[in-house]
Amino acid sequence: MQSFLQNGKMITPKQWKAEIQSLQAEYDSIGKEQTKTATELAYAEVISYNRKNFERELQNRRRQHNRQQSRTKRREEEIY
């Protein structure tokens, strides 16, 4: 194989292979970090959705409770 110039210096195939191995290790490390970050983001999105859904359910229950109280109050007023 022929040597190549990089910044005016000759690079041998062994140096290329060493560089490739170094970059592959860095790539693998970044890939693991990216996977971890994506997983944490997914957890955060699920928690956010669950929180909003829980608040919506609470609000619906309050409305239903208020409607029920209002109906009961009207019935009591009709009776008297």
PDB file of N, CA and C in Angstrom:
ATOM      1  N   MET A   1       0.829  -1.175   0.000  1.00  0.00           N
ATOM      2  CA  MET A   1       0.000   0.000   0.000  1.00  0.00           C
ATOM      3  C   MET A   1       0.883   1.251   0.000  1.00  0.00           C
ATOM      4  N   GLN A   2       0.389   2.263  -0.566  1.00  0.00           N
ATOM      5  CA  GLN A   2       1.160   3.491  -0.695  1.00  0.00           C
ATOM      6  C   GLN A   2       0.930   4.389   0.521  1.00  0.00           C
ATOM      7  N   SER A   3       1.939   5.125   0.927  1.00  0.00           N
ATOM      8  CA  SER A   3       1.812   6.074   2.029  1.00  0.00           C
ATOM      9  C   SER A   3       1.176   7.358   1.512  1.00  0.00           C
ATOM     10  N   PHE A   4       0.495   8.077   2.390  1.00  0.00           N
ATOM     11  CA  PHE A   4      -0.182   9.312   2.020  1.00  0.00           C
ATOM     12  C   PHE A   4       0.373  10.465   2.833  1.00  0.00           C
ATOM     13  N   LEU A   5       0.195  11.652   2.317  1.00  0.00           N
ATOM     14  CA  LEU A   5       0.627  12.849   3.017  1.00  0.00           C
ATOM     15  C   LEU A   5      -0.518  13.431   3.839  1.00  0.00           C
ATOM     16  N   GLN A   6      -0.199  13.775   5.076  1.00  0.00           N
ATOM     17  CA  GLN A   6      -1.154  14.480   5.920  1.00  0.00           C
ATOM     18  C   GLN A   6      -0.371  15.560   6.644  1.00  0.00           C
ATOM     19  N   ASN A   7      -0.743  16.798   6.419  1.00  0.00           N
ATOM     20  CA  ASN A   7      -0.028  17.936   6.997  1.00  0.00           C
ATOM     21  C   ASN A   7       1.470  17.873   6.687  1.00  0.00           C
ATOM     22  N   GLY A   8       1.795  17.440   5.490  1.00  0.00           N
ATOM     23  CA  GLY A   8       3.185  17.402   5.060  1.00  0.00           C
ATOM     24  C   GLY A   8       3.965  16.203   5.574  1.00  0.00           C
ATOM     25  N   LYS A   9       3.316  15.280   6.306  1.00  0.00           N
ATOM     26  CA  LYS A   9       4.004  14.099   6.840  1.00  0.00           C
ATOM     27  C   LYS A   9       3.450  12.854   6.160  1.00  0.00           C
ATOM     28  N   MET A  10       4.303  11.888   6.024  1.00  0.00           N
ATOM     29  CA  MET A  10       3.894  10.621   5.417  1.00  0.00           C
ATOM     30  C   MET A  10       3.139   9.776   6.448  1.00  0.00           C
ATOM     31  N   ILE A  11       2.030   9.210   6.017  1.00  0.00           N
ATOM     32  CA  ILE A  11       1.241   8.348   6.902  1.00  0.00           C
ATOM     33  C   ILE A  11       1.253   6.950   6.307  1.00  0.00           C
ATOM     34  N   THR A  12       1.635   5.991   7.125  1.00  0.00           N
ATOM     35  CA  THR A  12       1.735   4.607   6.666  1.00  0.00           C
ATOM     36  C   THR A  12       0.407   3.894   6.899  1.00  0.00           C
ATOM     37  N   PRO A  13       0.218   2.750   6.247  1.00  0.00           N
ATOM     38  CA  PRO A  13      -1.006   1.976   6.477  1.00  0.00           C
ATOM     39  C   PRO A  13      -1.205   1.596   7.952  1.00  0.00           C
ATOM     40  N   LYS A  14      -0.108   1.334   8.664  1.00  0.00           N
ATOM     41  CA  LYS A  14      -0.234   1.000  10.084  1.00  0.00           C
ATOM     42  C   LYS A  14      -0.812   2.188  10.858  1.00  0.00           C
ATOM     43  N   GLN A  15      -0.376   3.386  10.513  1.00  0.00           N
ATOM     44  CA  GLN A  15      -0.900   4.572  11.185  1.00  0.00           C
ATOM     45  C   GLN A  15      -2.382   4.776  10.860  1.00  0.00           C
ATOM     46  N   TRP A  16      -2.734   4.472   9.588  1.00  0.00           N
ATOM     47  CA  TRP A  16      -4.140   4.572   9.204  1.00  0.00           C
ATOM     48  C   TRP A  16      -4.977   3.598  10.026  1.00  0.00           C
ATOM     49  N   LYS A  17      -4.506   2.388  10.154  1.00  0.00           N
ATOM     50  CA  LYS A  17      -5.243   1.370  10.920  1.00  0.00           C
ATOM     51  C   LYS A  17      -5.368   1.777  12.383  1.00  0.00           C
ATOM     52  N   ALA A  18      -4.301   2.311  12.937  1.00  0.00           N
ATOM     53  CA  ALA A  18      -4.351   2.766  14.329  1.00  0.00           C
ATOM     54  C   ALA A  18      -5.359   3.910  14.475  1.00  0.00           C
ATOM     55  N   GLU A  19      -5.362   4.816  13.523  1.00  0.00           N
ATOM     56  CA  GLU A  19      -6.316   5.935  13.552  1.00  0.00           C
ATOM     57  C   GLU A  19      -7.748   5.423  13.432  1.00  0.00           C
ATOM     58  N   ILE A  20      -7.946   4.475  12.539  1.00  0.00           N
ATOM     59  CA  ILE A  20      -9.288   3.887  12.365  1.00  0.00           C
ATOM     60  C   ILE A  20      -9.749   3.226  13.658  1.00  0.00           C
ATOM     61  N   GLN A  21      -8.884   2.470  14.300  1.00  0.00           N
ATOM     62  CA  GLN A  21      -9.243   1.806  15.559  1.00  0.00           C
ATOM     63  C   GLN A  21      -9.574   2.830  16.642  1.00  0.00           C
ATOM     64  N   SER A  22      -8.786   3.894  16.690  1.00  0.00           N
ATOM     65  CA  SER A  22      -9.036   4.952  17.666  1.00  0.00           C
ATOM     66  C   SER A  22     -10.386   5.614  17.417  1.00  0.00           C
ATOM     67  N   LEU A  23     -10.651   5.922  16.158  1.00  0.00           N
ATOM     68  CA  LEU A  23     -11.923   6.555  15.813  1.00  0.00           C
ATOM     69  C   LEU A  23     -13.103   5.610  16.049  1.00  0.00           C
ATOM     70  N   GLN A  24     -12.905   4.326  15.789  1.00  0.00           N
ATOM     71  CA  GLN A  24     -13.974   3.345  16.014  1.00  0.00           C
ATOM     72  C   GLN A  24     -14.307   3.264  17.500  1.00  0.00           C
ATOM     73  N   ALA A  25     -13.291   3.279  18.353  1.00  0.00           N
ATOM     74  CA  ALA A  25     -13.516   3.245  19.803  1.00  0.00           C
ATOM     75  C   ALA A  25     -14.274   4.499  20.236  1.00  0.00           C
ATOM     76  N   GLU A  26     -13.881   5.639  19.703  1.00  0.00           N
ATOM     77  CA  GLU A  26     -14.569   6.895  20.027  1.00  0.00           C
ATOM     78  C   GLU A  26     -16.012   6.848  19.531  1.00  0.00           C
ATOM     79  N   TYR A  27     -16.223   6.331  18.340  1.00  0.00           N
ATOM     80  CA  TYR A  27     -17.565   6.202  17.760  1.00  0.00           C
ATOM     81  C   TYR A  27     -18.441   5.304  18.635  1.00  0.00           C
ATOM     82  N   ASP A  28     -17.891   4.175  19.076  1.00  0.00           N
ATOM     83  CA  ASP A  28     -18.643   3.263  19.938  1.00  0.00           C
ATOM     84  C   ASP A  28     -19.024   3.935  21.248  1.00  0.00           C
ATOM     85  N   SER A  29     -18.095   4.689  21.818  1.00  0.00           N
ATOM     86  CA  SER A  29     -18.351   5.404  23.064  1.00  0.00           C
ATOM     87  C   SER A  29     -19.463   6.435  22.878  1.00  0.00           C
ATOM     88  N   ILE A  30     -19.396   7.179  21.791  1.00  0.00           N
ATOM     89  CA  ILE A  30     -20.417   8.188  21.497  1.00  0.00           C
ATOM     90  C   ILE A  30     -21.764   7.514  21.265  1.00  0.00           C
ATOM     91  N   GLY A  31     -21.745   6.366  20.597  1.00  0.00           N
ATOM     92  CA  GLY A  31     -22.986   5.624  20.340  1.00  0.00           C
ATOM     93  C   GLY A  31     -23.666   5.200  21.634  1.00  0.00           C
ATOM     94  N   LYS A  32     -22.880   4.728  22.590  1.00  0.00           N
ATOM     95  CA  LYS A  32     -23.439   4.332  23.882  1.00  0.00           C
ATOM     96  C   LYS A  32     -24.023   5.538  24.611  1.00  0.00           C
ATOM     97  N   GLU A  33     -23.305   6.653  24.560  1.00  0.00           N
ATOM     98  CA  GLU A  33     -23.777   7.879  25.204  1.00  0.00           C
ATOM     99  C   GLU A  33     -25.061   8.375  24.537  1.00  0.00           C
ATOM    100  N   GLN A  34     -25.099   8.275  23.216  1.00  0.00           N
ATOM    101  CA  GLN A  34     -26.284   8.704  22.478  1.00  0.00           C
ATOM    102  C   GLN A  34     -27.477   7.823  22.833  1.00  0.00           C
ATOM    103  N   THR A  35     -27.269   6.533  22.949  1.00  0.00           N
ATOM    104  CA  THR A  35     -28.339   5.615  23.332  1.00  0.00           C
ATOM    105  C   THR A  35     -28.853   5.943  24.724  1.00  0.00           C
ATOM    106  N   LYS A  36     -27.937   6.206  25.642  1.00  0.00           N
ATOM    107  CA  LYS A  36     -28.328   6.558  27.012  1.00  0.00           C
ATOM    108  C   LYS A  36     -29.133   7.853  27.020  1.00  0.00           C
ATOM    109  N   THR A  37     -28.681   8.849  26.268  1.00  0.00           N
ATOM    110  CA  THR A  37     -29.371  10.132  26.201  1.00  0.00           C
ATOM    111  C   THR A  37     -30.763   9.967  25.590  1.00  0.00           C
ATOM    112  N   ALA A  38     -30.871   9.178  24.541  1.00  0.00           N
ATOM    113  CA  ALA A  38     -32.167   8.949  23.894  1.00  0.00           C
ATOM    114  C   ALA A  38     -33.127   8.250  24.848  1.00  0.00           C
ATOM    115  N   THR A  39     -32.611   7.296  25.618  1.00  0.00           N
ATOM    116  CA  THR A  39     -33.441   6.592  26.591  1.00  0.00           C
ATOM    117  C   THR A  39     -33.925   7.550  27.675  1.00  0.00           C
ATOM    118  N   GLU A  40     -33.029   8.383  28.178  1.00  0.00           N
ATOM    119  CA  GLU A  40     -33.408   9.351  29.208  1.00  0.00           C
ATOM    120  C   GLU A  40     -34.428  10.348  28.669  1.00  0.00           C
ATOM    121  N   LEU A  41     -34.275  10.751  27.423  1.00  0.00           N
ATOM    122  CA  LEU A  41     -35.233  11.658  26.805  1.00  0.00           C
ATOM    123  C   LEU A  41     -36.600  10.982  26.693  1.00  0.00           C
ATOM    124  N   ALA A  42     -36.614   9.724  26.308  1.00  0.00           N
ATOM    125  CA  ALA A  42     -37.880   8.990  26.220  1.00  0.00           C
ATOM    126  C   ALA A  42     -38.548   8.905  27.589  1.00  0.00           C
ATOM    127  N   TYR A  43     -37.763   8.637  28.637  1.00  0.00           N
ATOM    128  CA  TYR A  43     -38.319   8.608  29.991  1.00  0.00           C
ATOM    129  C   TYR A  43     -38.927   9.956  30.345  1.00  0.00           C
ATOM    130  N   ALA A  44     -38.219  11.029  30.037  1.00  0.00           N
ATOM    131  CA  ALA A  44     -38.703  12.371  30.350  1.00  0.00           C
ATOM    132  C   ALA A  44     -40.008  12.666  29.604  1.00  0.00           C
ATOM    133  N   GLU A  45     -40.081  12.247  28.345  1.00  0.00           N
ATOM    134  CA  GLU A  45     -41.299  12.472  27.563  1.00  0.00           C
ATOM    135  C   GLU A  45     -42.476  11.700  28.150  1.00  0.00           C
ATOM    136  N   VAL A  46     -42.240  10.460  28.566  1.00  0.00           N
ATOM    137  CA  VAL A  46     -43.299   9.649  29.164  1.00  0.00           C
ATOM    138  C   VAL A  46     -43.771  10.276  30.474  1.00  0.00           C
ATOM    139  N   ILE A  47     -42.830  10.709  31.289  1.00  0.00           N
ATOM    140  CA  ILE A  47     -43.184  11.343  32.568  1.00  0.00           C
ATOM    141  C   ILE A  47     -43.988  12.616  32.312  1.00  0.00           C
ATOM    142  N   SER A  48     -43.574  13.410  31.344  1.00  0.00           N
ATOM    143  CA  SER A  48     -44.287  14.641  31.014  1.00  0.00           C
ATOM    144  C   SER A  48     -45.705  14.326  30.548  1.00  0.00           C
ATOM    145  N   TYR A  49     -45.841  13.341  29.664  1.00  0.00           N
ATOM    146  CA  TYR A  49     -47.165  12.951  29.178  1.00  0.00           C
ATOM    147  C   TYR A  49     -48.034  12.469  30.331  1.00  0.00           C
ATOM    148  N   ASN A  50     -47.477  11.606  31.194  1.00  0.00           N
ATOM    149  CA  ASN A  50     -48.237  11.068  32.322  1.00  0.00           C
ATOM    150  C   ASN A  50     -48.692  12.182  33.260  1.00  0.00           C
ATOM    151  N   ARG A  51     -47.830  13.156  33.490  1.00  0.00           N
ATOM    152  CA  ARG A  51     -48.175  14.279  34.366  1.00  0.00           C
ATOM    153  C   ARG A  51     -49.346  15.069  33.783  1.00  0.00           C
ATOM    154  N   LYS A  52     -49.265  15.389  32.491  1.00  0.00           N
ATOM    155  CA  LYS A  52     -50.340  16.136  31.840  1.00  0.00           C
ATOM    156  C   LYS A  52     -51.639  15.329  31.836  1.00  0.00           C
ATOM    157  N   ASN A  53     -51.531  14.040  31.581  1.00  0.00           N
ATOM    158  CA  ASN A  53     -52.706  13.181  31.565  1.00  0.00           C
ATOM    159  C   ASN A  53     -53.322  13.089  32.960  1.00  0.00           C
ATOM    160  N   PHE A  54     -52.499  12.984  33.979  1.00  0.00           N
ATOM    161  CA  PHE A  54     -52.982  12.928  35.357  1.00  0.00           C
ATOM    162  C   PHE A  54     -53.713  14.226  35.712  1.00  0.00           C
ATOM    163  N   GLU A  55     -53.138  15.365  35.338  1.00  0.00           N
ATOM    164  CA  GLU A  55     -53.776  16.655  35.604  1.00  0.00           C
ATOM    165  C   GLU A  55     -55.121  16.755  34.879  1.00  0.00           C
ATOM    166  N   ARG A  56     -55.168  16.258  33.650  1.00  0.00           N
ATOM    167  CA  ARG A  56     -56.413  16.270  32.885  1.00  0.00           C
ATOM    168  C   ARG A  56     -57.465  15.398  33.570  1.00  0.00           C
ATOM    169  N   GLU A  57     -57.076  14.221  34.033  1.00  0.00           N
ATOM    170  CA  GLU A  57     -58.004  13.339  34.734  1.00  0.00           C
ATOM    171  C   GLU A  57     -58.510  13.974  36.025  1.00  0.00           C
ATOM    172  N   LEU A  58     -57.623  14.623  36.763  1.00  0.00           N
ATOM    173  CA  LEU A  58     -58.050  15.307  37.989  1.00  0.00           C
ATOM    174  C   LEU A  58     -59.062  16.398  37.674  1.00  0.00           C
ATOM    175  N   GLN A  59     -58.786  17.161  36.637  1.00  0.00           N
ATOM    176  CA  GLN A  59     -59.687  18.234  36.248  1.00  0.00           C
ATOM    177  C   GLN A  59     -61.057  17.666  35.848  1.00  0.00           C
ATOM    178  N   ASN A  60     -61.067  16.564  35.122  1.00  0.00           N
ATOM    179  CA  ASN A  60     -62.326  15.927  34.739  1.00  0.00           C
ATOM    180  C   ASN A  60     -63.088  15.443  35.965  1.00  0.00           C
ATOM    181  N   ARG A  61     -62.382  14.863  36.914  1.00  0.00           N
ATOM    182  CA  ARG A  61     -63.038  14.390  38.138  1.00  0.00           C
ATOM    183  C   ARG A  61     -63.626  15.552  38.928  1.00  0.00           C
ATOM    184  N   ARG A  62     -62.886  16.661  38.987  1.00  0.00           N
ATOM    185  CA  ARG A  62     -63.405  17.836  39.699  1.00  0.00           C
ATOM    186  C   ARG A  62     -64.674  18.361  39.020  1.00  0.00           C
ATOM    187  N   ARG A  63     -64.637  18.440  37.703  1.00  0.00           N
ATOM    188  CA  ARG A  63     -65.827  18.900  36.968  1.00  0.00           C
ATOM    189  C   ARG A  63     -67.014  17.974  37.226  1.00  0.00           C
ATOM    190  N   GLN A  64     -66.740  16.684  37.161  1.00  0.00           N
ATOM    191  CA  GLN A  64     -67.809  15.710  37.386  1.00  0.00           C
ATOM    192  C   GLN A  64     -68.353  15.841  38.809  1.00  0.00           C
ATOM    193  N   HIS A  65     -67.479  16.009  39.757  1.00  0.00           N
ATOM    194  CA  HIS A  65     -67.893  16.170  41.152  1.00  0.00           C
ATOM    195  C   HIS A  65     -68.722  17.443  41.319  1.00  0.00           C
ATOM    196  N   ASN A  66     -68.264  18.530  40.713  1.00  0.00           N
ATOM    197  CA  ASN A  66     -68.994  19.793  40.783  1.00  0.00           C
ATOM    198  C   ASN A  66     -70.372  19.678  40.136  1.00  0.00           C
ATOM    199  N   ARG A  67     -70.453  18.997  38.980  1.00  0.00           N
ATOM    200  CA  ARG A  67     -71.744  18.795  38.320  1.00  0.00           C
ATOM    201  C   ARG A  67     -72.688  17.984  39.198  1.00  0.00           C
ATOM    202  N   GLN A  68     -72.108  16.965  39.816  1.00  0.00           N
ATOM    203  CA  GLN A  68     -72.918  16.114  40.675  1.00  0.00           C
ATOM    204  C   GLN A  68     -73.446  16.916  41.873  1.00  0.00           C
ATOM    205  N   GLN A  69     -72.586  17.728  42.461  1.00  0.00           N
ATOM    206  CA  GLN A  69     -73.019  18.558  43.590  1.00  0.00           C
ATOM    207  C   GLN A  69     -74.093  19.549  43.146  1.00  0.00           C
ATOM    208  N   SER A  70     -73.908  20.116  41.966  1.00  0.00           N
ATOM    209  CA  SER A  70     -74.867  21.074  41.437  1.00  0.00           C
ATOM    210  C   SER A  70     -76.216  20.397  41.214  1.00  0.00           C
ATOM    211  N   ARG A  71     -76.243  19.201  40.673  1.00  0.00           N
ATOM    212  CA  ARG A  71     -77.486  18.458  40.451  1.00  0.00           C
ATOM    213  C   ARG A  71     -78.172  18.139  41.779  1.00  0.00           C
ATOM    214  N   THR A  72     -77.364  17.707  42.738  1.00  0.00           N
ATOM    215  CA  THR A  72     -77.906  17.381  44.054  1.00  0.00           C
ATOM    216  C   THR A  72     -78.515  18.626  44.692  1.00  0.00           C
ATOM    217  N   LYS A  73     -77.822  19.745  44.572  1.00  0.00           N
ATOM    218  CA  LYS A  73     -78.307  20.998  45.152  1.00  0.00           C
ATOM    219  C   LYS A  73     -79.627  21.416  44.494  1.00  0.00           C
ATOM    220  N   ARG A  74     -79.725  21.299  43.168  1.00  0.00           N
ATOM    221  CA  ARG A  74     -80.950  21.642  42.459  1.00  0.00           C
ATOM    222  C   ARG A  74     -82.102  20.753  42.896  1.00  0.00           C
ATOM    223  N   ARG A  75     -81.831  19.454  43.058  1.00  0.00           N
ATOM    224  CA  ARG A  75     -82.882  18.532  43.500  1.00  0.00           C
ATOM    225  C   ARG A  75     -83.371  18.904  44.881  1.00  0.00           C
ATOM    226  N   GLU A  76     -82.429  19.248  45.747  1.00  0.00           N
ATOM    227  CA  GLU A  76     -82.814  19.640  47.114  1.00  0.00           C
ATOM    228  C   GLU A  76     -83.665  20.906  47.079  1.00  0.00           C
ATOM    229  N   GLU A  77     -83.290  21.840  46.216  1.00  0.00           N
ATOM    230  CA  GLU A  77     -84.066  23.080  46.098  1.00  0.00           C
ATOM    231  C   GLU A  77     -85.449  22.808  45.535  1.00  0.00           C
ATOM    232  N   GLU A  78     -85.550  21.861  44.606  1.00  0.00           N
ATOM    233  CA  GLU A  78     -86.853  21.508  44.053  1.00  0.00           C
ATOM    234  C   GLU A  78     -87.756  20.871  45.100  1.00  0.00           C
ATOM    235  N   ILE A  79     -87.156  20.081  45.965  1.00  0.00           N
ATOM    236  CA  ILE A  79     -87.915  19.407  47.001  1.00  0.00           C
ATOM    237  C   ILE A  79     -88.473  20.420  47.993  1.00  0.00           C
ATOM    238  N   TYR A  80     -87.722  21.427  48.325  1.00  0.00           N
ATOM    239  CA  TYR A  80     -88.162  22.403  49.326  1.00  0.00           C
ATOM    240  C   TYR A  80     -88.868  23.508  48.678  1.00  0.00           C
TER     241      TYR A  80
END
